[in-house]
Each structure stands twice: as structure tokens, then as C-alpha cells.
ModelCIF file with pLDDT and N, C-alpha, C, O atoms, coordinates in Angstrom:
data_MODEL
#
_entry.id   MODEL 
#
_entity.id                         1 
_entity.type                       polymer 
_entity.pdbx_number_of_molecules   1 
#
_entity_poly.entity_id                      1 
_entity_poly.type                           'polypeptide(L)' 
_entity_poly.nstd_linkage                   no 
_entity_poly.nstd_monomer                   no 
_entity_poly.pdbx_seq_one_letter_code       RDLDIPYEEIRYRSAGINHMAFFLKFEHRQKDGSYR 
_entity_poly.pdbx_seq_one_letter_code_can   RDLDIPYEEIRYRSAGINHMAFFLKFEHRQKDGSYR 
_entity_poly.pdbx_strand_id                 A 
#
loop_
_entity_poly_seq.entity_id 
_entity_poly_seq.num 
_entity_poly_seq.mon_id 
_entity_poly_seq.hetero 
1 1  ARG n 
1 2  ASP n 
1 3  LEU n 
1 4  ASP n 
1 5  ILE n 
1 6  PRO n 
1 7  TYR n 
1 8  GLU n 
1 9  GLU n 
1 10 ILE n 
1 11 ARG n 
1 12 TYR n 
1 13 ARG n 
1 14 SER n 
1 15 ALA n 
1 16 GLY n 
1 17 ILE n 
1 18 ASN n 
1 19 HIS n 
1 20 MET n 
1 21 ALA n 
1 22 PHE n 
1 23 PHE n 
1 24 LEU n 
1 25 LYS n 
1 26 PHE n 
1 27 GLU n 
1 28 HIS n 
1 29 ARG n 
1 30 GLN n 
1 31 LYS n 
1 32 ASP n 
1 33 GLY n 
1 34 SER n 
1 35 TYR n 
1 36 ARG n 
#
_struct_asym.id          A 
_struct_asym.entity_id   1 
#
loop_
_ma_qa_metric.id 
_ma_qa_metric.mode 
_ma_qa_metric.name 
_ma_qa_metric.software_group_id 
_ma_qa_metric.type 
1 global pLDDT . pLDDT 
2 local  pLDDT . pLDDT 
#
_ma_qa_metric_global.metric_id      1 
_ma_qa_metric_global.metric_value   97.64 
_ma_qa_metric_global.model_id       1 
_ma_qa_metric_global.ordinal_id     1 
#
loop_
_ma_qa_metric_local.label_asym_id 
_ma_qa_metric_local.label_comp_id 
_ma_qa_metric_local.label_seq_id 
_ma_qa_metric_local.metric_id 
_ma_qa_metric_local.metric_value 
_ma_qa_metric_local.model_id 
_ma_qa_metric_local.ordinal_id 
A ARG 1  2 97.00 1 1  
A ASP 2  2 97.00 1 2  
A LEU 3  2 98.00 1 3  
A ASP 4  2 98.00 1 4  
A ILE 5  2 98.00 1 5  
A PRO 6  2 97.00 1 6  
A TYR 7  2 97.00 1 7  
A GLU 8  2 96.00 1 8  
A GLU 9  2 98.00 1 9  
A ILE 10 2 98.00 1 10 
A ARG 11 2 98.00 1 11 
A TYR 12 2 98.00 1 12 
A ARG 13 2 98.00 1 13 
A SER 14 2 98.00 1 14 
A ALA 15 2 98.00 1 15 
A GLY 16 2 98.00 1 16 
A ILE 17 2 98.00 1 17 
A ASN 18 2 98.00 1 18 
A HIS 19 2 97.00 1 19 
A MET 20 2 98.00 1 20 
A ALA 21 2 98.00 1 21 
A PHE 22 2 98.00 1 22 
A PHE 23 2 98.00 1 23 
A LEU 24 2 98.00 1 24 
A LYS 25 2 98.00 1 25 
A PHE 26 2 98.00 1 26 
A GLU 27 2 98.00 1 27 
A HIS 28 2 98.00 1 28 
A ARG 29 2 98.00 1 29 
A GLN 30 2 97.00 1 30 
A LYS 31 2 96.00 1 31 
A ASP 32 2 97.00 1 32 
A GLY 33 2 96.00 1 33 
A SER 34 2 98.00 1 34 
A TYR 35 2 98.00 1 35 
A ARG 36 2 98.00 1 36 
#
loop_
_atom_site.group_PDB 
_atom_site.id 
_atom_site.type_symbol 
_atom_site.label_atom_id 
_atom_site.label_alt_id 
_atom_site.label_comp_id 
_atom_site.label_asym_id 
_atom_site.label_entity_id 
_atom_site.label_seq_id 
_atom_site.pdbx_PDB_ins_code 
_atom_site.Cartn_x 
_atom_site.Cartn_y 
_atom_site.Cartn_z 
_atom_site.occupancy 
_atom_site.B_iso_or_equiv 
_atom_site.pdbx_formal_charge 
_atom_site.auth_seq_id 
_atom_site.auth_comp_id 
_atom_site.auth_asym_id 
_atom_site.auth_atom_id 
_atom_site.pdbx_PDB_model_num 
ATOM 1   N N  . ARG A 1 1  ? -26.388 16.267 -8.165  1.00 97.00 ? 1  ARG A N  1 
ATOM 2   C CA . ARG A 1 1  ? -28.099 15.538 -8.119  1.00 97.00 ? 1  ARG A CA 1 
ATOM 3   C C  . ARG A 1 1  ? -28.381 15.608 -10.171 1.00 97.00 ? 1  ARG A C  1 
ATOM 4   O O  . ARG A 1 1  ? -28.254 14.963 -11.212 1.00 97.00 ? 1  ARG A O  1 
ATOM 5   N N  . ASP A 1 2  ? -28.653 16.406 -9.814  1.00 97.00 ? 2  ASP A N  1 
ATOM 6   C CA . ASP A 1 2  ? -29.075 17.391 -11.658 1.00 97.00 ? 2  ASP A CA 1 
ATOM 7   C C  . ASP A 1 2  ? -28.803 16.095 -12.704 1.00 97.00 ? 2  ASP A C  1 
ATOM 8   O O  . ASP A 1 2  ? -29.431 15.804 -13.722 1.00 97.00 ? 2  ASP A O  1 
ATOM 9   N N  . LEU A 1 3  ? -27.510 15.342 -12.022 1.00 98.00 ? 3  LEU A N  1 
ATOM 10  C CA . LEU A 1 3  ? -27.126 14.699 -13.063 1.00 98.00 ? 3  LEU A CA 1 
ATOM 11  C C  . LEU A 1 3  ? -27.544 13.017 -12.753 1.00 98.00 ? 3  LEU A C  1 
ATOM 12  O O  . LEU A 1 3  ? -27.804 12.259 -13.687 1.00 98.00 ? 3  LEU A O  1 
ATOM 13  N N  . ASP A 1 4  ? -27.570 12.463 -10.958 1.00 98.00 ? 4  ASP A N  1 
ATOM 14  C CA . ASP A 1 4  ? -28.149 11.810 -10.786 1.00 98.00 ? 4  ASP A CA 1 
ATOM 15  C C  . ASP A 1 4  ? -26.832 10.553 -10.630 1.00 98.00 ? 4  ASP A C  1 
ATOM 16  O O  . ASP A 1 4  ? -26.829 9.337  -10.821 1.00 98.00 ? 4  ASP A O  1 
ATOM 17  N N  . ILE A 1 5  ? -25.811 11.504 -10.205 1.00 98.00 ? 5  ILE A N  1 
ATOM 18  C CA . ILE A 1 5  ? -24.092 11.081 -10.210 1.00 98.00 ? 5  ILE A CA 1 
ATOM 19  C C  . ILE A 1 5  ? -23.266 11.477 -8.385  1.00 98.00 ? 5  ILE A C  1 
ATOM 20  O O  . ILE A 1 5  ? -23.159 12.632 -7.973  1.00 98.00 ? 5  ILE A O  1 
ATOM 21  N N  . PRO A 1 6  ? -22.925 10.574 -7.801  1.00 97.00 ? 6  PRO A N  1 
ATOM 22  C CA . PRO A 1 6  ? -23.341 11.293 -6.338  1.00 97.00 ? 6  PRO A CA 1 
ATOM 23  C C  . PRO A 1 6  ? -21.872 11.932 -6.304  1.00 97.00 ? 6  PRO A C  1 
ATOM 24  O O  . PRO A 1 6  ? -21.052 12.004 -7.219  1.00 97.00 ? 6  PRO A O  1 
ATOM 25  N N  . TYR A 1 7  ? -21.820 12.184 -5.546  1.00 97.00 ? 7  TYR A N  1 
ATOM 26  C CA . TYR A 1 7  ? -21.015 14.506 -5.361  1.00 97.00 ? 7  TYR A CA 1 
ATOM 27  C C  . TYR A 1 7  ? -19.740 13.520 -5.231  1.00 97.00 ? 7  TYR A C  1 
ATOM 28  O O  . TYR A 1 7  ? -18.822 13.953 -5.927  1.00 97.00 ? 7  TYR A O  1 
ATOM 29  N N  . GLU A 1 8  ? -19.381 12.255 -4.512  1.00 96.00 ? 8  GLU A N  1 
ATOM 30  C CA . GLU A 1 8  ? -17.912 12.004 -4.680  1.00 96.00 ? 8  GLU A CA 1 
ATOM 31  C C  . GLU A 1 8  ? -17.182 11.458 -5.907  1.00 96.00 ? 8  GLU A C  1 
ATOM 32  O O  . GLU A 1 8  ? -15.954 11.379 -5.934  1.00 96.00 ? 8  GLU A O  1 
ATOM 33  N N  . GLU A 1 9  ? -17.783 11.170 -6.685  1.00 98.00 ? 9  GLU A N  1 
ATOM 34  C CA . GLU A 1 9  ? -17.329 10.606 -7.550  1.00 98.00 ? 9  GLU A CA 1 
ATOM 35  C C  . GLU A 1 9  ? -16.936 12.239 -9.237  1.00 98.00 ? 9  GLU A C  1 
ATOM 36  O O  . GLU A 1 9  ? -16.303 12.216 -10.292 1.00 98.00 ? 9  GLU A O  1 
ATOM 37  N N  . ILE A 1 10 ? -17.550 13.029 -8.695  1.00 98.00 ? 10 ILE A N  1 
ATOM 38  C CA . ILE A 1 10 ? -17.475 14.549 -9.835  1.00 98.00 ? 10 ILE A CA 1 
ATOM 39  C C  . ILE A 1 10 ? -15.642 14.821 -8.898  1.00 98.00 ? 10 ILE A C  1 
ATOM 40  O O  . ILE A 1 10 ? -15.228 14.727 -7.742  1.00 98.00 ? 10 ILE A O  1 
ATOM 41  N N  . ARG A 1 11 ? -15.060 15.181 -10.256 1.00 98.00 ? 11 ARG A N  1 
ATOM 42  C CA . ARG A 1 11 ? -13.763 17.024 -10.208 1.00 98.00 ? 11 ARG A CA 1 
ATOM 43  C C  . ARG A 1 11 ? -13.722 16.989 -10.874 1.00 98.00 ? 11 ARG A C  1 
ATOM 44  O O  . ARG A 1 11 ? -13.534 16.159 -11.764 1.00 98.00 ? 11 ARG A O  1 
ATOM 45  N N  . TYR A 1 12 ? -14.011 18.606 -10.658 1.00 98.00 ? 12 TYR A N  1 
ATOM 46  C CA . TYR A 1 12 ? -13.661 20.151 -11.448 1.00 98.00 ? 12 TYR A CA 1 
ATOM 47  C C  . TYR A 1 12 ? -12.822 20.421 -10.749 1.00 98.00 ? 12 TYR A C  1 
ATOM 48  O O  . TYR A 1 12 ? -12.217 19.704 -9.953  1.00 98.00 ? 12 TYR A O  1 
ATOM 49  N N  . ARG A 1 13 ? -12.613 22.380 -11.180 1.00 98.00 ? 13 ARG A N  1 
ATOM 50  C CA . ARG A 1 13 ? -11.758 22.982 -11.406 1.00 98.00 ? 13 ARG A CA 1 
ATOM 51  C C  . ARG A 1 13 ? -12.230 24.001 -11.440 1.00 98.00 ? 13 ARG A C  1 
ATOM 52  O O  . ARG A 1 13 ? -12.662 24.360 -12.536 1.00 98.00 ? 13 ARG A O  1 
ATOM 53  N N  . SER A 1 14 ? -12.371 24.961 -10.233 1.00 98.00 ? 14 SER A N  1 
ATOM 54  C CA . SER A 1 14 ? -12.833 26.398 -10.483 1.00 98.00 ? 14 SER A CA 1 
ATOM 55  C C  . SER A 1 14 ? -11.693 27.483 -10.435 1.00 98.00 ? 14 SER A C  1 
ATOM 56  O O  . SER A 1 14 ? -10.527 27.439 -10.041 1.00 98.00 ? 14 SER A O  1 
ATOM 57  N N  . ALA A 1 15 ? -12.912 29.034 -11.294 1.00 98.00 ? 15 ALA A N  1 
ATOM 58  C CA . ALA A 1 15 ? -11.931 30.153 -11.037 1.00 98.00 ? 15 ALA A CA 1 
ATOM 59  C C  . ALA A 1 15 ? -12.428 31.229 -11.231 1.00 98.00 ? 15 ALA A C  1 
ATOM 60  O O  . ALA A 1 15 ? -12.679 31.231 -12.436 1.00 98.00 ? 15 ALA A O  1 
ATOM 61  N N  . GLY A 1 16 ? -12.681 31.994 -10.886 1.00 98.00 ? 16 GLY A N  1 
ATOM 62  C CA . GLY A 1 16 ? -13.054 33.086 -11.225 1.00 98.00 ? 16 GLY A CA 1 
ATOM 63  C C  . GLY A 1 16 ? -12.624 34.037 -10.265 1.00 98.00 ? 16 GLY A C  1 
ATOM 64  O O  . GLY A 1 16 ? -11.436 34.120 -9.953  1.00 98.00 ? 16 GLY A O  1 
ATOM 65  N N  . ILE A 1 17 ? -14.205 35.339 -9.382  1.00 98.00 ? 17 ILE A N  1 
ATOM 66  C CA . ILE A 1 17 ? -14.511 35.920 -8.331  1.00 98.00 ? 17 ILE A CA 1 
ATOM 67  C C  . ILE A 1 17 ? -15.060 35.262 -7.601  1.00 98.00 ? 17 ILE A C  1 
ATOM 68  O O  . ILE A 1 17 ? -15.263 34.056 -7.746  1.00 98.00 ? 17 ILE A O  1 
ATOM 69  N N  . ASN A 1 18 ? -15.516 36.181 -6.364  1.00 98.00 ? 18 ASN A N  1 
ATOM 70  C CA . ASN A 1 18 ? -16.579 35.848 -5.705  1.00 98.00 ? 18 ASN A CA 1 
ATOM 71  C C  . ASN A 1 18 ? -17.969 35.707 -6.021  1.00 98.00 ? 18 ASN A C  1 
ATOM 72  O O  . ASN A 1 18 ? -18.825 36.501 -5.632  1.00 98.00 ? 18 ASN A O  1 
ATOM 73  N N  . HIS A 1 19 ? -18.214 34.599 -6.795  1.00 97.00 ? 19 HIS A N  1 
ATOM 74  C CA . HIS A 1 19 ? -20.058 34.544 -6.689  1.00 97.00 ? 19 HIS A CA 1 
ATOM 75  C C  . HIS A 1 19 ? -19.545 34.572 -8.474  1.00 97.00 ? 19 HIS A C  1 
ATOM 76  O O  . HIS A 1 19 ? -19.859 33.391 -8.622  1.00 97.00 ? 19 HIS A O  1 
ATOM 77  N N  . MET A 1 20 ? -19.256 34.795 -9.259  1.00 98.00 ? 20 MET A N  1 
ATOM 78  C CA . MET A 1 20 ? -18.665 34.599 -10.162 1.00 98.00 ? 20 MET A CA 1 
ATOM 79  C C  . MET A 1 20 ? -17.570 33.759 -11.308 1.00 98.00 ? 20 MET A C  1 
ATOM 80  O O  . MET A 1 20 ? -17.208 33.906 -12.475 1.00 98.00 ? 20 MET A O  1 
ATOM 81  N N  . ALA A 1 21 ? -17.358 32.953 -10.340 1.00 98.00 ? 21 ALA A N  1 
ATOM 82  C CA . ALA A 1 21 ? -16.779 31.891 -10.325 1.00 98.00 ? 21 ALA A CA 1 
ATOM 83  C C  . ALA A 1 21 ? -17.153 30.426 -11.302 1.00 98.00 ? 21 ALA A C  1 
ATOM 84  O O  . ALA A 1 21 ? -18.193 29.768 -11.249 1.00 98.00 ? 21 ALA A O  1 
ATOM 85  N N  . PHE A 1 22 ? -16.264 30.248 -11.949 1.00 98.00 ? 22 PHE A N  1 
ATOM 86  C CA . PHE A 1 22 ? -17.066 28.577 -13.244 1.00 98.00 ? 22 PHE A CA 1 
ATOM 87  C C  . PHE A 1 22 ? -16.634 27.898 -13.136 1.00 98.00 ? 22 PHE A C  1 
ATOM 88  O O  . PHE A 1 22 ? -15.513 28.071 -12.656 1.00 98.00 ? 22 PHE A O  1 
ATOM 89  N N  . PHE A 1 23 ? -16.938 26.865 -13.369 1.00 98.00 ? 23 PHE A N  1 
ATOM 90  C CA . PHE A 1 23 ? -16.167 24.859 -12.934 1.00 98.00 ? 23 PHE A CA 1 
ATOM 91  C C  . PHE A 1 23 ? -15.827 25.299 -14.443 1.00 98.00 ? 23 PHE A C  1 
ATOM 92  O O  . PHE A 1 23 ? -16.797 25.502 -15.173 1.00 98.00 ? 23 PHE A O  1 
ATOM 93  N N  . LEU A 1 24 ? -14.124 25.518 -15.146 1.00 98.00 ? 24 LEU A N  1 
ATOM 94  C CA . LEU A 1 24 ? -13.451 25.225 -15.625 1.00 98.00 ? 24 LEU A CA 1 
ATOM 95  C C  . LEU A 1 24 ? -13.626 23.826 -16.463 1.00 98.00 ? 24 LEU A C  1 
ATOM 96  O O  . LEU A 1 24 ? -13.869 23.651 -17.658 1.00 98.00 ? 24 LEU A O  1 
ATOM 97  N N  . LYS A 1 25 ? -13.312 22.447 -14.881 1.00 98.00 ? 25 LYS A N  1 
ATOM 98  C CA . LYS A 1 25 ? -13.685 21.555 -15.590 1.00 98.00 ? 25 LYS A CA 1 
ATOM 99  C C  . LYS A 1 25 ? -14.498 20.738 -14.390 1.00 98.00 ? 25 LYS A C  1 
ATOM 100 O O  . LYS A 1 25 ? -14.502 20.799 -13.160 1.00 98.00 ? 25 LYS A O  1 
ATOM 101 N N  . PHE A 1 26 ? -15.420 19.670 -15.739 1.00 98.00 ? 26 PHE A N  1 
ATOM 102 C CA . PHE A 1 26 ? -16.187 18.937 -15.057 1.00 98.00 ? 26 PHE A CA 1 
ATOM 103 C C  . PHE A 1 26 ? -16.555 17.935 -14.954 1.00 98.00 ? 26 PHE A C  1 
ATOM 104 O O  . PHE A 1 26 ? -17.550 17.625 -15.610 1.00 98.00 ? 26 PHE A O  1 
ATOM 105 N N  . GLU A 1 27 ? -15.934 16.977 -14.095 1.00 98.00 ? 27 GLU A N  1 
ATOM 106 C CA . GLU A 1 27 ? -16.554 15.366 -14.650 1.00 98.00 ? 27 GLU A CA 1 
ATOM 107 C C  . GLU A 1 27 ? -16.923 14.293 -14.229 1.00 98.00 ? 27 GLU A C  1 
ATOM 108 O O  . GLU A 1 27 ? -17.398 14.499 -13.113 1.00 98.00 ? 27 GLU A O  1 
ATOM 109 N N  . HIS A 1 28 ? -16.971 13.403 -14.444 1.00 98.00 ? 28 HIS A N  1 
ATOM 110 C CA . HIS A 1 28 ? -16.932 12.145 -14.103 1.00 98.00 ? 28 HIS A CA 1 
ATOM 111 C C  . HIS A 1 28 ? -16.116 10.701 -13.697 1.00 98.00 ? 28 HIS A C  1 
ATOM 112 O O  . HIS A 1 28 ? -16.183 9.689  -14.396 1.00 98.00 ? 28 HIS A O  1 
ATOM 113 N N  . ARG A 1 29 ? -15.641 10.763 -12.931 1.00 98.00 ? 29 ARG A N  1 
ATOM 114 C CA . ARG A 1 29 ? -14.513 9.452  -12.552 1.00 98.00 ? 29 ARG A CA 1 
ATOM 115 C C  . ARG A 1 29 ? -15.144 8.306  -13.274 1.00 98.00 ? 29 ARG A C  1 
ATOM 116 O O  . ARG A 1 29 ? -16.229 7.903  -12.853 1.00 98.00 ? 29 ARG A O  1 
ATOM 117 N N  . GLN A 1 30 ? -14.590 7.730  -14.320 1.00 97.00 ? 30 GLN A N  1 
ATOM 118 C CA . GLN A 1 30 ? -15.103 6.160  -14.747 1.00 97.00 ? 30 GLN A CA 1 
ATOM 119 C C  . GLN A 1 30 ? -14.755 5.028  -13.840 1.00 97.00 ? 30 GLN A C  1 
ATOM 120 O O  . GLN A 1 30 ? -13.840 5.404  -13.107 1.00 97.00 ? 30 GLN A O  1 
ATOM 121 N N  . LYS A 1 31 ? -14.943 4.366  -13.702 1.00 96.00 ? 31 LYS A N  1 
ATOM 122 C CA . LYS A 1 31 ? -14.280 2.571  -13.410 1.00 96.00 ? 31 LYS A CA 1 
ATOM 123 C C  . LYS A 1 31 ? -13.174 2.331  -14.327 1.00 96.00 ? 31 LYS A C  1 
ATOM 124 O O  . LYS A 1 31 ? -12.993 1.113  -14.334 1.00 96.00 ? 31 LYS A O  1 
ATOM 125 N N  . ASP A 1 32 ? -12.425 2.855  -15.032 1.00 97.00 ? 32 ASP A N  1 
ATOM 126 C CA . ASP A 1 32 ? -11.260 2.645  -15.732 1.00 97.00 ? 32 ASP A CA 1 
ATOM 127 C C  . ASP A 1 32 ? -10.496 3.663  -15.072 1.00 97.00 ? 32 ASP A C  1 
ATOM 128 O O  . ASP A 1 32 ? -9.457  4.077  -15.586 1.00 97.00 ? 32 ASP A O  1 
ATOM 129 N N  . GLY A 1 33 ? -10.882 4.063  -14.078 1.00 96.00 ? 33 GLY A N  1 
ATOM 130 C CA . GLY A 1 33 ? -9.762  5.606  -13.629 1.00 96.00 ? 33 GLY A CA 1 
ATOM 131 C C  . GLY A 1 33 ? -9.869  7.146  -14.896 1.00 96.00 ? 33 GLY A C  1 
ATOM 132 O O  . GLY A 1 33 ? -10.044 8.243  -14.365 1.00 96.00 ? 33 GLY A O  1 
ATOM 133 N N  . SER A 1 34 ? -9.808  7.121  -15.746 1.00 98.00 ? 34 SER A N  1 
ATOM 134 C CA . SER A 1 34 ? -10.434 7.625  -16.711 1.00 98.00 ? 34 SER A CA 1 
ATOM 135 C C  . SER A 1 34 ? -11.471 8.932  -16.300 1.00 98.00 ? 34 SER A C  1 
ATOM 136 O O  . SER A 1 34 ? -12.234 8.923  -15.334 1.00 98.00 ? 34 SER A O  1 
ATOM 137 N N  . TYR A 1 35 ? -11.340 9.825  -17.078 1.00 98.00 ? 35 TYR A N  1 
ATOM 138 C CA . TYR A 1 35 ? -12.659 10.894 -16.671 1.00 98.00 ? 35 TYR A CA 1 
ATOM 139 C C  . TYR A 1 35 ? -13.463 11.654 -17.832 1.00 98.00 ? 35 TYR A C  1 
ATOM 140 O O  . TYR A 1 35 ? -12.968 12.288 -18.765 1.00 98.00 ? 35 TYR A O  1 
ATOM 141 N N  . ARG A 1 36 ? -15.037 11.406 -17.511 1.00 98.00 ? 36 ARG A N  1 
ATOM 142 C CA . ARG A 1 36 ? -16.016 12.382 -18.783 1.00 98.00 ? 36 ARG A CA 1 
ATOM 143 C C  . ARG A 1 36 ? -16.112 13.921 -18.522 1.00 98.00 ? 36 ARG A C  1 
ATOM 144 O O  . ARG A 1 36 ? -16.733 14.642 -19.303 1.00 98.00 ? 36 ARG A O  1 
#
């Protein structure tokens, strides 16, 4: 929402402990299939 990007276009990976896990990757799928 902050980024004005549809949630469905986001790819992420998170890990840690409950309430203190971190997004190790937080990316936007591009039209060519790559991720930014």
C-alpha cells in the first residue's frame, strides 16, 4: 500500500521468530518476469 503496488505483484521471503521475523527479500514482479 505504501508503494502503490498491487499485493499480488509482490514476492517476499521472511524468517525469524514470531513478531521479530524480517523480509529477507521484498520484490516487485516486472512485466518481463524478472523481479526488482
